[in-house]
C-alpha atoms as a PDB file:
ATOM      1  CA  UNK A   1      98.251 112.536 119.048  1.00  0.00           C
ATOM      2  CA  UNK A   2      98.911 108.830 118.436  1.00  0.00           C
ATOM      3  CA  UNK A   3     102.120 109.559 116.605  1.00  0.00           C
ATOM      4  CA  UNK A   4     103.653 111.807 119.285  1.00  0.00           C
ATOM      5  CA  UNK A   5     106.844 110.549 120.766  1.00  0.00           C
ATOM      6  CA  UNK A   6     107.809 110.807 124.382  1.00  0.00           C
ATOM      7  CA  UNK A   7     109.922 113.812 123.812  1.00  0.00           C
ATOM      8  CA  UNK A   8     106.946 115.526 122.135  1.00  0.00           C
ATOM      9  CA  UNK A   9     104.825 114.868 125.153  1.00  0.00           C
ATOM     10  CA  UNK A  10     107.530 116.458 127.496  1.00  0.00           C
ATOM     11  CA  UNK A  11     107.275 119.736 125.584  1.00  0.00           C
ATOM     12  CA  UNK A  12     105.286 122.679 127.063  1.00  0.00           C
ATOM     13  CA  UNK A  13     103.048 122.720 124.108  1.00  0.00           C
ATOM     14  CA  UNK A  14     102.551 119.034 122.845  1.00  0.00           C
ATOM     15  CA  UNK A  15      99.659 119.973 120.447  1.00  0.00           C
ATOM     16  CA  UNK A  16     100.569 123.285 118.827  1.00  0.00           C
ATOM     17  CA  UNK A  17      97.960 124.854 116.557  1.00  0.00           C
ATOM     18  CA  UNK A  18      94.885 123.270 118.140  1.00  0.00           C
ATOM     19  CA  UNK A  19      92.363 125.446 119.881  1.00  0.00           C
ATOM     20  CA  UNK A  20      92.791 125.477 123.663  1.00  0.00           C
ATOM     21  CA  UNK A  21      89.347 124.088 124.498  1.00  0.00           C
ATOM     22  CA  UNK A  22      89.917 121.026 122.183  1.00  0.00           C
ATOM     23  CA  UNK A  23      93.474 120.599 123.337  1.00  0.00           C
ATOM     24  CA  UNK A  24      92.578 120.480 127.014  1.00  0.00           C
ATOM     25  CA  UNK A  25      89.817 117.945 126.392  1.00  0.00           C
ATOM     26  CA  UNK A  26      92.070 115.665 124.367  1.00  0.00           C
ATOM     27  CA  UNK A  27      95.023 115.979 126.879  1.00  0.00           C
ATOM     28  CA  UNK A  28      92.729 115.200 129.845  1.00  0.00           C
ATOM     29  CA  UNK A  29      91.138 112.171 128.032  1.00  0.00           C
ATOM     30  CA  UNK A  30      94.380 110.586 126.666  1.00  0.00           C
ATOM     31  CA  UNK A  31      97.263 111.659 128.875  1.00  0.00           C
ATOM     32  CA  UNK A  32      98.224 112.141 132.437  1.00  0.00           C
ATOM     33  CA  UNK A  33     100.218 115.009 133.896  1.00  0.00           C
ATOM     34  CA  UNK A  34     103.431 114.114 135.593  1.00  0.00           C
ATOM     35  CA  UNK A  35     105.170 116.982 137.433  1.00  0.00           C
ATOM     36  CA  UNK A  36     105.977 119.429 134.618  1.00  0.00           C
ATOM     37  CA  UNK A  37     105.197 117.192 131.665  1.00  0.00           C
ATOM     38  CA  UNK A  38     102.662 114.661 130.305  1.00  0.00           C
ATOM     39  CA  UNK A  39     102.807 110.918 129.831  1.00  0.00           C
ATOM     40  CA  UNK A  40     100.563 108.477 127.886  1.00  0.00           C
ATOM     41  CA  UNK A  41     100.251 105.111 129.746  1.00  0.00           C
ATOM     42  CA  UNK A  42      99.452 102.013 127.719  1.00  0.00           C
ATOM     43  CA  UNK A  43      95.742 101.922 128.776  1.00  0.00           C
ATOM     44  CA  UNK A  44      95.226 105.543 127.572  1.00  0.00           C
ATOM     45  CA  UNK A  45      97.096 104.786 124.326  1.00  0.00           C
ATOM     46  CA  UNK A  46      94.693 101.828 123.813  1.00  0.00           C
ATOM     47  CA  UNK A  47      91.792 104.157 124.526  1.00  0.00           C
ATOM     48  CA  UNK A  48      93.007 106.557 121.908  1.00  0.00           C
ATOM     49  CA  UNK A  49      93.318 103.715 119.370  1.00  0.00           C
ATOM     50  CA  UNK A  50      89.688 102.676 120.105  1.00  0.00           C
ATOM     51  CA  UNK A  51      88.495 106.254 119.539  1.00  0.00           C
ATOM     52  CA  UNK A  52      90.504 106.445 116.292  1.00  0.00           C
ATOM     53  CA  UNK A  53      88.966 103.193 115.098  1.00  0.00           C
ATOM     54  CA  UNK A  54      85.394 104.136 115.973  1.00  0.00           C
ATOM     55  CA  UNK A  55      85.866 107.508 114.154  1.00  0.00           C
ATOM     56  CA  UNK A  56      87.271 105.687 111.077  1.00  0.00           C
ATOM     57  CA  UNK A  57      84.352 103.255 111.193  1.00  0.00           C
ATOM     58  CA  UNK A  58      81.787 106.138 111.343  1.00  0.00           C
ATOM     59  CA  UNK A  59      83.505 107.959 108.510  1.00  0.00           C
ATOM     60  CA  UNK A  60      83.710 104.820 106.233  1.00  0.00           C
ATOM     61  CA  UNK A  61      79.976 103.807 106.934  1.00  0.00           C
ATOM     62  CA  UNK A  62      80.793 101.135 109.594  1.00  0.00           C
ATOM     63  CA  UNK A  63      83.079  99.142 107.278  1.00  0.00           C
ATOM     64  CA  UNK A  64      86.750  99.528 107.331  1.00  0.00           C
ATOM     65  CA  UNK A  65      89.703  98.155 105.153  1.00  0.00           C
ATOM     66  CA  UNK A  66      92.128  96.812 107.714  1.00  0.00           C
ATOM     67  CA  UNK A  67      95.153  97.193 105.550  1.00  0.00           C
ATOM     68  CA  UNK A  68      94.649 100.959 105.310  1.00  0.00           C
ATOM     69  CA  UNK A  69      94.360 101.579 109.046  1.00  0.00           C
ATOM     70  CA  UNK A  70      97.012  99.000 109.761  1.00  0.00           C
ATOM     71  CA  UNK A  71      99.510 100.907 107.671  1.00  0.00           C
ATOM     72  CA  UNK A  72      98.498 104.330 109.209  1.00  0.00           C
ATOM     73  CA  UNK A  73      98.837 103.135 112.777  1.00  0.00           C
ATOM     74  CA  UNK A  74     101.820 100.886 112.154  1.00  0.00           C
ATOM     75  CA  UNK A  75     100.035  97.996 113.713  1.00  0.00           C
ATOM     76  CA  UNK A  76     100.352  94.249 113.025  1.00  0.00           C
ATOM     77  CA  UNK A  77      97.193  92.501 111.785  1.00  0.00           C
ATOM     78  CA  UNK A  78      96.723  90.420 114.953  1.00  0.00           C
ATOM     79  CA  UNK A  79      97.058  93.557 117.149  1.00  0.00           C
ATOM     80  CA  UNK A  80      94.667  95.532 114.934  1.00  0.00           C
ATOM     81  CA  UNK A  81      92.077  92.790 114.866  1.00  0.00           C
ATOM     82  CA  UNK A  82      92.263  92.562 118.635  1.00  0.00           C
ATOM     83  CA  UNK A  83      91.430  96.258 118.984  1.00  0.00           C
ATOM     84  CA  UNK A  84      88.618  96.069 116.268  1.00  0.00           C
ATOM     85  CA  UNK A  85      87.106  93.056 118.043  1.00  0.00           C
ATOM     86  CA  UNK A  86      87.143  94.881 121.339  1.00  0.00           C
ATOM     87  CA  UNK A  87      85.111  97.776 119.644  1.00  0.00           C
ATOM     88  CA  UNK A  88      82.608  95.210 118.455  1.00  0.00           C
ATOM     89  CA  UNK A  89      83.703  94.610 114.799  1.00  0.00           C
ATOM     90  CA  UNK A  90      83.448  91.388 112.896  1.00  0.00           C
ATOM     91  CA  UNK A  91      86.559  90.695 110.764  1.00  0.00           C
ATOM     92  CA  UNK A  92      86.104  89.030 107.335  1.00  0.00           C
ATOM     93  CA  UNK A  93      88.780  88.260 104.820  1.00  0.00           C
ATOM     94  CA  UNK A  94      88.381  87.876 101.103  1.00  0.00           C
ATOM     95  CA  UNK A  95      90.465  87.920  97.942  1.00  0.00           C
ATOM     96  CA  UNK A  96      89.789  91.209  96.186  1.00  0.00           C
ATOM     97  CA  UNK A  97      91.556  93.288  93.631  1.00  0.00           C
ATOM     98  CA  UNK A  98      93.026  96.407  95.009  1.00  0.00           C
ATOM     99  CA  UNK A  99      95.041  99.095  93.226  1.00  0.00           C
ATOM    100  CA  UNK A 100      98.513  99.661  94.559  1.00  0.00           C
ATOM    101  CA  UNK A 101     100.669 102.765  94.387  1.00  0.00           C
ATOM    102  CA  UNK A 102     101.847 102.164  90.818  1.00  0.00           C
ATOM    103  CA  UNK A 103      98.345 101.394  89.482  1.00  0.00           C
ATOM    104  CA  UNK A 104      99.088  97.707  89.075  1.00  0.00           C
ATOM    105  CA  UNK A 105      96.506  95.289  90.391  1.00  0.00           C
ATOM    106  CA  UNK A 106      96.954  91.957  92.063  1.00  0.00           C
ATOM    107  CA  UNK A 107      94.927  89.558  93.927  1.00  0.00           C
ATOM    108  CA  UNK A 108      95.824  89.893  97.653  1.00  0.00           C
ATOM    109  CA  UNK A 109      93.854  88.625 100.663  1.00  0.00           C
ATOM    110  CA  UNK A 110      92.068  91.603 102.311  1.00  0.00           C
ATOM    111  CA  UNK A 111      90.588  91.875 105.702  1.00  0.00           C
ATOM    112  CA  UNK A 112      87.576  94.050 106.288  1.00  0.00           C
ATOM    113  CA  UNK A 113      86.160  95.104 109.745  1.00  0.00           C
ATOM    114  CA  UNK A 114      82.400  95.544 109.799  1.00  0.00           C
ATOM    115  CA  UNK A 115      80.592  96.995 112.885  1.00  0.00           C
ATOM    116  CA  UNK A 116      77.320  95.086 113.198  1.00  0.00           C
ATOM    117  CA  UNK A 117      75.184  96.367 115.947  1.00  0.00           C
ATOM    118  CA  UNK A 118      71.410  96.056 116.389  1.00  0.00           C
ATOM    119  CA  UNK A 119      69.867  99.381 115.543  1.00  0.00           C
ATOM    120  CA  UNK A 120      66.573 100.446 116.994  1.00  0.00           C
ATOM    121  CA  UNK A 121      63.644 100.450 114.592  1.00  0.00           C
ATOM    122  CA  UNK A 122      63.179 104.201 114.893  1.00  0.00           C
ATOM    123  CA  UNK A 123      66.738 104.792 113.631  1.00  0.00           C
ATOM    124  CA  UNK A 124      65.839 103.390 110.232  1.00  0.00           C
ATOM    125  CA  UNK A 125      62.659 105.392 110.110  1.00  0.00           C
ATOM    126  CA  UNK A 126      64.470 108.746 110.817  1.00  0.00           C
ATOM    127  CA  UNK A 127      67.066 108.152 108.030  1.00  0.00           C
ATOM    128  CA  UNK A 128      64.517 107.167 105.327  1.00  0.00           C
END
């Protein structure tokens, strides 16, 4: 949904191949209906980015490599860190070795977003 263009949103079927129940929920959460088409205002696009970041954090065990998500969303680092901080992440930077596309390694500064929230004591007991 994040990568759809304005012309994609004007189509009768902006999300083909997605079950109707899920599609209706996504469209109601992240777009508004205008006459015979849909639009995505900035506030809803930001909401969609927040949902994407939270899901990525949950998948990656609450620690996220900023360079990967930055490339996927085509964001600048300051814009991405602003969204990650709004979600509640702490951004750390370090020099680490990362493999690049051609299997060469180089020392590059890397930023990592970590979601640190206080968890209730019973959460730790349930997962033991």
